[in-house]
Amino acid sequence: NSANCDTALSTVYLDGRVLLPGVYCSGTMELRPSTTLTLDAQNNTNSVWVFQVGTTLIARPASRVLLLNGAQASNVFWAVGTAATTGQSSFFTGIILAKTIVTIGARATLKGRAFATTSFSFDNGGLVSLDASYTSVNITLDSCLKFAVLSKTSVTFGLGETVFASGSVGNKYL
């Protein structure tokens, strides 16, 4: 809802911007390939960013979200109306709350957390999904040494590939 926004973004492209804490809104948001969005906390570690995205959030290959001057990944929220995608070799920061799916590209890094309303799968249609051509992925859940996967339907790893996972991996039917 744009009425709750500090800034309604006139363009969907976030790259090249330096944003101060606040609530930002747009129908879609995108970081183009090999570009950077900088979030500047101005030396206030309690600074918060909320990005309200009407439909899709896309971080194209090799794009990145950079935290500056005390900004914390745990204080960056991406509320996405449908799907969120991080491209190959991208570095994405924050907590993604997507209505349907979060896709993490090959060799991409997510520093934060990702949530979606569909099932969890490492190959299609779920909480964290790796594209079919991945060779490795690094998902950082803040400073957690373990991770948990909870799903109402299923948990799937790989596309016939060997996938190595560490942490607590399980499937709990609610």
N, C-alpha and C. Protein backbone atom coordinates (compact mmCIF):
# COMPACT_ATOMS: atom_id res chain seq x y z
N ASN A 1 0.85 -1.18 0.00
CA ASN A 1 0.00 0.00 0.00
C ASN A 1 0.89 1.24 0.00
N SER A 2 0.80 2.03 -1.07
CA SER A 2 1.68 3.19 -1.19
C SER A 2 1.40 4.27 -0.15
N ALA A 3 0.23 4.21 0.50
CA ALA A 3 -0.08 5.18 1.55
C ALA A 3 0.84 5.00 2.76
N ASN A 4 1.40 3.80 2.92
CA ASN A 4 2.29 3.51 4.04
C ASN A 4 3.76 3.74 3.68
N CYS A 5 4.03 4.28 2.52
CA CYS A 5 5.40 4.45 2.04
C CYS A 5 5.96 5.82 2.39
N ASP A 6 7.26 5.81 2.74
CA ASP A 6 7.98 7.06 2.85
C ASP A 6 8.30 7.56 1.45
N THR A 7 8.63 6.59 0.55
CA THR A 7 9.01 6.93 -0.82
C THR A 7 8.39 5.94 -1.79
N ALA A 8 7.55 6.43 -2.68
CA ALA A 8 7.05 5.61 -3.79
C ALA A 8 8.05 5.77 -4.92
N LEU A 9 8.71 4.69 -5.28
CA LEU A 9 9.76 4.75 -6.29
C LEU A 9 9.14 4.92 -7.67
N SER A 10 9.62 5.88 -8.42
CA SER A 10 9.07 6.16 -9.74
C SER A 10 9.61 5.21 -10.80
N THR A 11 10.72 4.55 -10.52
CA THR A 11 11.28 3.58 -11.44
C THR A 11 11.48 2.26 -10.70
N VAL A 12 11.44 1.18 -11.42
CA VAL A 12 11.58 -0.13 -10.79
C VAL A 12 13.04 -0.46 -10.51
N TYR A 13 13.96 0.27 -11.13
CA TYR A 13 15.39 -0.07 -11.00
C TYR A 13 15.98 0.53 -9.74
N LEU A 14 16.61 -0.33 -8.94
CA LEU A 14 17.21 0.08 -7.68
C LEU A 14 18.70 0.35 -7.80
N ASP A 15 19.31 -0.12 -8.88
CA ASP A 15 20.76 -0.06 -9.01
C ASP A 15 21.28 1.38 -9.06
N GLY A 16 22.47 1.53 -8.47
CA GLY A 16 23.12 2.83 -8.44
C GLY A 16 22.59 3.77 -7.37
N ARG A 17 21.63 3.34 -6.62
CA ARG A 17 21.04 4.21 -5.59
C ARG A 17 21.71 4.00 -4.24
N VAL A 18 21.72 5.05 -3.44
CA VAL A 18 22.09 4.99 -2.04
C VAL A 18 20.83 5.38 -1.28
N LEU A 19 20.26 4.43 -0.53
CA LEU A 19 19.00 4.68 0.16
C LEU A 19 19.21 4.75 1.67
N LEU A 20 18.59 5.74 2.26
CA LEU A 20 18.58 5.89 3.71
C LEU A 20 17.44 5.06 4.28
N PRO A 21 17.42 4.82 5.58
CA PRO A 21 16.34 4.02 6.17
C PRO A 21 14.96 4.59 5.82
N GLY A 22 13.99 3.69 5.67
CA GLY A 22 12.64 4.12 5.36
C GLY A 22 11.84 3.01 4.71
N VAL A 23 10.63 3.35 4.29
CA VAL A 23 9.74 2.42 3.62
C VAL A 23 9.65 2.84 2.16
N TYR A 24 10.00 1.91 1.27
CA TYR A 24 10.03 2.17 -0.17
C TYR A 24 9.04 1.25 -0.87
N CYS A 25 8.29 1.78 -1.84
CA CYS A 25 7.27 1.00 -2.52
C CYS A 25 7.37 1.14 -4.03
N SER A 26 7.05 0.02 -4.71
CA SER A 26 6.96 0.02 -6.16
C SER A 26 6.22 -1.25 -6.58
N GLY A 27 5.62 -1.22 -7.76
CA GLY A 27 4.93 -2.41 -8.27
C GLY A 27 5.88 -3.57 -8.48
N THR A 28 7.06 -3.30 -9.03
CA THR A 28 8.13 -4.27 -9.16
C THR A 28 9.44 -3.56 -8.81
N MET A 29 10.44 -4.34 -8.43
CA MET A 29 11.76 -3.78 -8.15
C MET A 29 12.80 -4.69 -8.77
N GLU A 30 13.85 -4.06 -9.32
CA GLU A 30 14.88 -4.83 -10.00
C GLU A 30 16.25 -4.19 -9.83
N LEU A 31 17.25 -5.06 -9.64
CA LEU A 31 18.65 -4.67 -9.71
C LEU A 31 19.19 -5.23 -11.01
N ARG A 32 19.68 -4.38 -11.90
CA ARG A 32 20.19 -4.86 -13.18
C ARG A 32 21.54 -5.56 -13.00
N PRO A 33 21.98 -6.33 -14.02
CA PRO A 33 23.22 -7.10 -13.90
C PRO A 33 24.42 -6.24 -13.50
N SER A 34 25.23 -6.79 -12.61
CA SER A 34 26.50 -6.17 -12.19
C SER A 34 26.34 -4.78 -11.60
N THR A 35 25.24 -4.53 -10.91
CA THR A 35 25.01 -3.22 -10.30
C THR A 35 24.84 -3.38 -8.78
N THR A 36 24.85 -2.25 -8.08
CA THR A 36 24.79 -2.25 -6.62
C THR A 36 23.72 -1.30 -6.11
N LEU A 37 22.97 -1.77 -5.11
CA LEU A 37 22.08 -0.94 -4.31
C LEU A 37 22.77 -0.80 -2.96
N THR A 38 22.96 0.43 -2.49
CA THR A 38 23.62 0.67 -1.21
C THR A 38 22.60 1.16 -0.19
N LEU A 39 22.60 0.53 0.97
CA LEU A 39 21.74 0.93 2.08
C LEU A 39 22.63 1.54 3.16
N ASP A 40 22.46 2.83 3.40
CA ASP A 40 23.33 3.59 4.31
C ASP A 40 22.60 3.88 5.62
N ALA A 41 23.07 3.27 6.71
CA ALA A 41 22.46 3.45 8.03
C ALA A 41 22.89 4.74 8.72
N GLN A 42 23.83 5.45 8.17
CA GLN A 42 24.33 6.69 8.75
C GLN A 42 24.74 6.50 10.22
N ASN A 43 25.46 5.41 10.46
CA ASN A 43 26.01 5.07 11.78
C ASN A 43 24.94 4.77 12.84
N ASN A 44 23.77 4.35 12.43
CA ASN A 44 22.71 3.95 13.35
C ASN A 44 22.38 2.48 13.08
N THR A 45 22.88 1.59 13.93
CA THR A 45 22.69 0.15 13.72
C THR A 45 21.23 -0.28 13.89
N ASN A 46 20.36 0.59 14.37
CA ASN A 46 18.94 0.28 14.50
C ASN A 46 18.12 0.72 13.28
N SER A 47 18.79 1.24 12.27
CA SER A 47 18.10 1.69 11.06
C SER A 47 17.37 0.53 10.39
N VAL A 48 16.17 0.82 9.82
CA VAL A 48 15.33 -0.21 9.20
C VAL A 48 14.92 0.24 7.80
N TRP A 49 14.96 -0.72 6.86
CA TRP A 49 14.46 -0.52 5.50
C TRP A 49 13.35 -1.52 5.27
N VAL A 50 12.25 -1.05 4.69
CA VAL A 50 11.16 -1.93 4.28
C VAL A 50 10.90 -1.63 2.81
N PHE A 51 10.97 -2.69 1.98
CA PHE A 51 10.68 -2.56 0.57
C PHE A 51 9.39 -3.31 0.29
N GLN A 52 8.34 -2.57 -0.08
CA GLN A 52 7.05 -3.17 -0.40
C GLN A 52 6.97 -3.28 -1.92
N VAL A 53 6.97 -4.53 -2.39
CA VAL A 53 7.00 -4.81 -3.82
C VAL A 53 5.66 -5.43 -4.21
N GLY A 54 4.93 -4.77 -5.10
CA GLY A 54 3.60 -5.25 -5.47
C GLY A 54 3.59 -6.64 -6.08
N THR A 55 4.53 -6.93 -6.99
CA THR A 55 4.55 -8.23 -7.64
C THR A 55 5.91 -8.91 -7.51
N THR A 56 6.89 -8.54 -8.34
CA THR A 56 8.15 -9.28 -8.38
C THR A 56 9.36 -8.44 -7.98
N LEU A 57 10.30 -9.13 -7.37
CA LEU A 57 11.60 -8.58 -7.01
C LEU A 57 12.64 -9.41 -7.74
N ILE A 58 13.51 -8.76 -8.51
CA ILE A 58 14.53 -9.48 -9.27
C ILE A 58 15.89 -8.82 -9.04
N ALA A 59 16.85 -9.62 -8.60
CA ALA A 59 18.25 -9.19 -8.52
C ALA A 59 18.98 -9.96 -9.61
N ARG A 60 19.31 -9.29 -10.68
CA ARG A 60 19.93 -9.92 -11.86
C ARG A 60 21.34 -10.42 -11.53
N PRO A 61 21.93 -11.23 -12.44
CA PRO A 61 23.26 -11.79 -12.19
C PRO A 61 24.30 -10.74 -11.79
N ALA A 62 25.09 -11.10 -10.80
CA ALA A 62 26.22 -10.30 -10.29
C ALA A 62 25.79 -8.97 -9.66
N SER A 63 24.51 -8.79 -9.39
CA SER A 63 24.07 -7.59 -8.68
C SER A 63 24.30 -7.80 -7.18
N ARG A 64 24.23 -6.71 -6.42
CA ARG A 64 24.44 -6.86 -4.99
C ARG A 64 23.74 -5.76 -4.20
N VAL A 65 23.41 -6.10 -2.97
CA VAL A 65 22.87 -5.14 -2.01
C VAL A 65 23.96 -4.95 -0.97
N LEU A 66 24.49 -3.74 -0.87
CA LEU A 66 25.61 -3.40 0.01
C LEU A 66 25.11 -2.66 1.23
N LEU A 67 25.56 -3.09 2.40
CA LEU A 67 25.21 -2.42 3.66
C LEU A 67 26.36 -1.51 4.06
N LEU A 68 26.01 -0.28 4.47
CA LEU A 68 27.03 0.73 4.75
C LEU A 68 26.76 1.41 6.08
N ASN A 69 27.80 1.77 6.79
CA ASN A 69 27.73 2.59 8.00
C ASN A 69 26.81 2.02 9.08
N GLY A 70 26.98 0.73 9.38
CA GLY A 70 26.24 0.11 10.48
C GLY A 70 24.94 -0.56 10.09
N ALA A 71 24.59 -0.56 8.81
CA ALA A 71 23.36 -1.23 8.38
C ALA A 71 23.44 -2.73 8.68
N GLN A 72 22.33 -3.31 9.11
CA GLN A 72 22.26 -4.72 9.50
C GLN A 72 21.31 -5.48 8.57
N ALA A 73 21.73 -6.66 8.11
CA ALA A 73 20.87 -7.47 7.24
C ALA A 73 19.54 -7.80 7.93
N SER A 74 19.57 -7.96 9.23
CA SER A 74 18.35 -8.31 9.97
C SER A 74 17.36 -7.14 10.05
N ASN A 75 17.74 -5.96 9.58
CA ASN A 75 16.86 -4.79 9.57
C ASN A 75 16.43 -4.38 8.17
N VAL A 76 16.60 -5.29 7.20
CA VAL A 76 16.21 -5.02 5.82
C VAL A 76 15.12 -6.03 5.46
N PHE A 77 13.93 -5.54 5.11
CA PHE A 77 12.78 -6.39 4.83
C PHE A 77 12.28 -6.16 3.41
N TRP A 78 12.06 -7.26 2.69
CA TRP A 78 11.55 -7.23 1.32
C TRP A 78 10.21 -7.94 1.33
N ALA A 79 9.10 -7.21 1.30
CA ALA A 79 7.76 -7.79 1.27
C ALA A 79 7.32 -7.83 -0.19
N VAL A 80 7.24 -9.05 -0.75
CA VAL A 80 7.06 -9.23 -2.18
C VAL A 80 5.70 -9.86 -2.46
N GLY A 81 4.93 -9.24 -3.35
CA GLY A 81 3.58 -9.69 -3.66
C GLY A 81 3.50 -11.05 -4.31
N THR A 82 4.49 -11.44 -5.11
CA THR A 82 4.48 -12.77 -5.72
C THR A 82 5.84 -13.45 -5.55
N ALA A 83 6.79 -13.20 -6.46
CA ALA A 83 8.04 -13.95 -6.48
C ALA A 83 9.26 -13.06 -6.32
N ALA A 84 10.29 -13.62 -5.67
CA ALA A 84 11.58 -12.95 -5.53
C ALA A 84 12.65 -13.86 -6.12
N THR A 85 13.55 -13.27 -6.92
CA THR A 85 14.61 -14.04 -7.59
C THR A 85 15.94 -13.33 -7.43
N THR A 86 16.96 -14.08 -7.01
CA THR A 86 18.32 -13.55 -7.03
C THR A 86 19.07 -14.29 -8.12
N GLY A 87 19.72 -13.54 -8.99
CA GLY A 87 20.39 -14.13 -10.14
C GLY A 87 21.73 -14.76 -9.81
N GLN A 88 22.29 -15.38 -10.81
CA GLN A 88 23.58 -16.05 -10.69
C GLN A 88 24.64 -15.10 -10.15
N SER A 89 25.38 -15.57 -9.16
CA SER A 89 26.50 -14.83 -8.55
C SER A 89 26.10 -13.51 -7.93
N SER A 90 24.83 -13.34 -7.60
CA SER A 90 24.40 -12.11 -6.93
C SER A 90 24.64 -12.22 -5.43
N PHE A 91 24.68 -11.07 -4.77
CA PHE A 91 24.83 -11.01 -3.31
C PHE A 91 23.65 -10.20 -2.81
N PHE A 92 22.71 -10.88 -2.16
CA PHE A 92 21.48 -10.22 -1.74
C PHE A 92 21.41 -10.21 -0.22
N THR A 93 20.91 -9.13 0.33
CA THR A 93 20.89 -8.93 1.77
C THR A 93 19.49 -8.61 2.26
N GLY A 94 19.10 -9.25 3.37
CA GLY A 94 17.83 -8.92 4.01
C GLY A 94 16.92 -10.12 4.18
N ILE A 95 15.74 -9.84 4.68
CA ILE A 95 14.74 -10.85 4.94
C ILE A 95 13.68 -10.74 3.85
N ILE A 96 13.57 -11.80 3.04
CA ILE A 96 12.62 -11.82 1.93
C ILE A 96 11.35 -12.51 2.38
N LEU A 97 10.23 -11.83 2.25
CA LEU A 97 8.91 -12.38 2.57
C LEU A 97 8.12 -12.37 1.27
N ALA A 98 8.07 -13.50 0.56
CA ALA A 98 7.42 -13.55 -0.74
C ALA A 98 6.12 -14.34 -0.65
N LYS A 99 5.14 -13.89 -1.39
CA LYS A 99 3.82 -14.53 -1.38
C LYS A 99 3.89 -15.95 -1.93
N THR A 100 4.70 -16.19 -2.98
CA THR A 100 4.73 -17.52 -3.58
C THR A 100 6.09 -18.20 -3.54
N ILE A 101 7.11 -17.63 -4.15
CA ILE A 101 8.38 -18.35 -4.32
C ILE A 101 9.58 -17.42 -4.17
N VAL A 102 10.67 -17.98 -3.64
CA VAL A 102 11.97 -17.32 -3.62
C VAL A 102 12.93 -18.23 -4.37
N THR A 103 13.59 -17.69 -5.40
CA THR A 103 14.55 -18.47 -6.18
C THR A 103 15.93 -17.87 -5.98
N ILE A 104 16.87 -18.72 -5.59
CA ILE A 104 18.26 -18.31 -5.40
C ILE A 104 19.08 -18.88 -6.55
N GLY A 105 19.73 -18.00 -7.33
CA GLY A 105 20.49 -18.43 -8.51
C GLY A 105 21.80 -19.11 -8.18
N ALA A 106 22.42 -19.65 -9.21
CA ALA A 106 23.69 -20.36 -9.08
C ALA A 106 24.76 -19.45 -8.49
N ARG A 107 25.50 -19.96 -7.53
CA ARG A 107 26.60 -19.24 -6.88
C ARG A 107 26.17 -17.92 -6.27
N ALA A 108 24.88 -17.77 -5.97
CA ALA A 108 24.38 -16.56 -5.34
C ALA A 108 24.50 -16.67 -3.82
N THR A 109 24.55 -15.54 -3.15
CA THR A 109 24.60 -15.51 -1.71
C THR A 109 23.41 -14.71 -1.19
N LEU A 110 22.70 -15.28 -0.25
CA LEU A 110 21.64 -14.58 0.46
C LEU A 110 22.09 -14.42 1.89
N LYS A 111 22.33 -13.18 2.31
CA LYS A 111 22.68 -12.92 3.70
C LYS A 111 21.41 -12.41 4.37
N GLY A 112 20.74 -13.30 5.05
CA GLY A 112 19.46 -12.98 5.66
C GLY A 112 18.60 -14.21 5.73
N ARG A 113 17.33 -14.06 5.41
CA ARG A 113 16.38 -15.17 5.45
C ARG A 113 15.41 -15.03 4.30
N ALA A 114 14.75 -16.13 3.96
CA ALA A 114 13.76 -16.11 2.89
C ALA A 114 12.56 -16.95 3.31
N PHE A 115 11.37 -16.39 3.10
CA PHE A 115 10.12 -17.08 3.44
C PHE A 115 9.16 -16.93 2.26
N ALA A 116 8.37 -17.98 2.02
CA ALA A 116 7.32 -17.93 1.01
C ALA A 116 6.19 -18.84 1.44
N THR A 117 5.02 -18.71 0.81
CA THR A 117 3.86 -19.48 1.24
C THR A 117 3.75 -20.84 0.57
N THR A 118 4.57 -21.13 -0.45
CA THR A 118 4.51 -22.44 -1.09
C THR A 118 5.52 -23.38 -0.47
N SER A 119 5.63 -24.59 -1.02
CA SER A 119 6.52 -25.60 -0.44
C SER A 119 7.99 -25.23 -0.62
N PHE A 120 8.85 -25.88 0.13
CA PHE A 120 10.28 -25.64 0.08
C PHE A 120 10.90 -26.64 -0.88
N SER A 121 11.70 -26.14 -1.81
CA SER A 121 12.35 -27.03 -2.76
C SER A 121 13.64 -26.41 -3.25
N PHE A 122 14.66 -27.23 -3.41
CA PHE A 122 15.90 -26.74 -3.99
C PHE A 122 15.92 -26.89 -5.50
N ASP A 123 14.78 -27.22 -6.10
CA ASP A 123 14.80 -27.29 -7.55
C ASP A 123 13.58 -26.69 -8.23
N ASN A 124 12.47 -26.51 -7.54
CA ASN A 124 11.34 -25.82 -8.18
C ASN A 124 10.31 -25.42 -7.15
N GLY A 125 9.69 -24.27 -7.40
CA GLY A 125 8.51 -23.80 -6.72
C GLY A 125 8.46 -23.87 -5.21
N GLY A 126 9.41 -23.33 -4.49
CA GLY A 126 9.32 -23.39 -3.05
C GLY A 126 9.99 -22.25 -2.35
N LEU A 127 10.27 -22.45 -1.09
CA LEU A 127 10.83 -21.39 -0.26
C LEU A 127 12.17 -20.90 -0.79
N VAL A 128 13.09 -21.82 -1.02
CA VAL A 128 14.37 -21.47 -1.63
C VAL A 128 14.57 -22.43 -2.78
N SER A 129 14.74 -21.90 -3.98
CA SER A 129 14.86 -22.74 -5.16
C SER A 129 16.13 -22.39 -5.91
N LEU A 130 16.90 -23.39 -6.28
CA LEU A 130 18.11 -23.16 -7.05
C LEU A 130 17.81 -23.44 -8.51
N ASP A 131 18.34 -22.61 -9.41
CA ASP A 131 18.06 -22.86 -10.83
C ASP A 131 18.72 -24.15 -11.28
N ALA A 132 18.28 -24.68 -12.40
CA ALA A 132 18.70 -26.01 -12.85
C ALA A 132 20.17 -26.11 -13.19
N SER A 133 20.86 -25.00 -13.42
CA SER A 133 22.26 -25.05 -13.83
C SER A 133 23.23 -24.78 -12.69
N TYR A 134 22.76 -24.82 -11.44
CA TYR A 134 23.64 -24.43 -10.34
C TYR A 134 24.77 -25.43 -10.14
N THR A 135 25.89 -24.92 -9.66
CA THR A 135 26.98 -25.79 -9.25
C THR A 135 27.21 -25.67 -7.76
N SER A 136 26.97 -24.49 -7.21
CA SER A 136 27.08 -24.33 -5.76
C SER A 136 26.28 -23.11 -5.35
N VAL A 137 25.90 -23.07 -4.11
CA VAL A 137 25.19 -21.91 -3.59
C VAL A 137 25.59 -21.72 -2.14
N ASN A 138 25.64 -20.49 -1.72
CA ASN A 138 25.98 -20.19 -0.33
C ASN A 138 24.82 -19.37 0.24
N ILE A 139 24.06 -19.97 1.13
CA ILE A 139 22.97 -19.25 1.77
C ILE A 139 23.36 -19.02 3.21
N THR A 140 23.48 -17.76 3.60
CA THR A 140 23.85 -17.40 4.95
C THR A 140 22.62 -16.95 5.70
N LEU A 141 22.27 -17.64 6.75
CA LEU A 141 21.12 -17.26 7.56
C LEU A 141 21.62 -16.48 8.76
N ASP A 142 21.84 -15.20 8.52
CA ASP A 142 22.46 -14.32 9.51
C ASP A 142 23.72 -14.99 10.03
N SER A 143 23.89 -15.12 11.32
CA SER A 143 25.10 -15.77 11.84
C SER A 143 24.79 -17.17 12.34
N CYS A 144 23.66 -17.74 11.89
CA CYS A 144 23.28 -19.08 12.33
C CYS A 144 24.23 -20.12 11.77
N LEU A 145 24.55 -21.11 12.57
CA LEU A 145 25.37 -22.22 12.10
C LEU A 145 24.52 -23.37 11.62
N LYS A 146 23.21 -23.35 11.88
CA LYS A 146 22.30 -24.40 11.47
C LYS A 146 21.10 -23.76 10.77
N PHE A 147 20.41 -24.57 10.01
CA PHE A 147 19.18 -24.07 9.40
C PHE A 147 18.11 -25.14 9.52
N ALA A 148 16.89 -24.72 9.46
CA ALA A 148 15.76 -25.65 9.54
C ALA A 148 14.84 -25.39 8.36
N VAL A 149 14.27 -26.46 7.85
CA VAL A 149 13.33 -26.35 6.75
C VAL A 149 12.01 -26.95 7.22
N LEU A 150 10.97 -26.13 7.25
CA LEU A 150 9.64 -26.59 7.63
C LEU A 150 8.71 -26.35 6.46
N SER A 151 7.88 -27.32 6.15
CA SER A 151 7.01 -27.19 4.99
C SER A 151 5.68 -27.86 5.26
N LYS A 152 4.60 -27.30 4.72
CA LYS A 152 3.29 -27.94 4.82
C LYS A 152 3.17 -29.10 3.84
N THR A 153 3.95 -29.07 2.75
CA THR A 153 3.80 -30.10 1.73
C THR A 153 5.04 -30.96 1.57
N SER A 154 6.12 -30.44 1.02
CA SER A 154 7.26 -31.30 0.75
C SER A 154 8.57 -30.53 0.80
N VAL A 155 9.64 -31.27 0.99
CA VAL A 155 11.00 -30.73 0.93
C VAL A 155 11.73 -31.56 -0.11
N THR A 156 12.29 -30.90 -1.13
CA THR A 156 12.97 -31.60 -2.20
C THR A 156 14.34 -31.00 -2.40
N PHE A 157 15.35 -31.84 -2.55
CA PHE A 157 16.70 -31.37 -2.83
C PHE A 157 17.15 -31.91 -4.18
N GLY A 158 17.66 -31.03 -5.02
CA GLY A 158 18.34 -31.43 -6.24
C GLY A 158 17.46 -31.81 -7.41
N LEU A 159 18.10 -31.90 -8.56
CA LEU A 159 17.47 -32.33 -9.80
C LEU A 159 18.20 -33.59 -10.26
N GLY A 160 18.25 -34.59 -9.41
CA GLY A 160 19.05 -35.76 -9.73
C GLY A 160 20.52 -35.51 -9.48
N GLU A 161 20.84 -34.35 -8.97
CA GLU A 161 22.21 -33.98 -8.67
C GLU A 161 22.52 -34.40 -7.23
N THR A 162 23.79 -34.46 -6.91
CA THR A 162 24.17 -34.69 -5.53
C THR A 162 24.18 -33.35 -4.81
N VAL A 163 23.43 -33.25 -3.74
CA VAL A 163 23.35 -32.00 -2.99
C VAL A 163 23.82 -32.28 -1.58
N PHE A 164 24.75 -31.50 -1.10
CA PHE A 164 25.24 -31.63 0.25
C PHE A 164 24.63 -30.53 1.10
N ALA A 165 24.01 -30.92 2.18
CA ALA A 165 23.38 -29.94 3.06
C ALA A 165 23.86 -30.19 4.48
N SER A 166 24.05 -29.12 5.20
CA SER A 166 24.40 -29.27 6.60
C SER A 166 23.39 -28.50 7.41
N GLY A 167 23.21 -28.89 8.63
CA GLY A 167 22.22 -28.25 9.48
C GLY A 167 21.09 -29.22 9.77
N SER A 168 20.02 -28.70 10.23
CA SER A 168 18.86 -29.50 10.56
C SER A 168 17.88 -29.44 9.40
N VAL A 169 17.75 -30.51 8.67
CA VAL A 169 16.87 -30.55 7.51
C VAL A 169 15.74 -31.51 7.80
N GLY A 170 14.52 -31.05 7.65
CA GLY A 170 13.40 -31.93 7.93
C GLY A 170 12.15 -31.47 7.24
N ASN A 171 11.11 -32.23 7.42
CA ASN A 171 9.83 -31.94 6.79
C ASN A 171 8.76 -32.18 7.85
N LYS A 172 8.05 -31.14 8.19
CA LYS A 172 7.03 -31.25 9.22
C LYS A 172 5.68 -30.89 8.60
N TYR A 173 4.74 -31.79 8.66
CA TYR A 173 3.42 -31.53 8.11
C TYR A 173 2.57 -30.88 9.18
N LEU A 174 1.98 -29.74 8.87
CA LEU A 174 1.20 -28.99 9.83
C LEU A 174 -0.28 -29.25 9.64
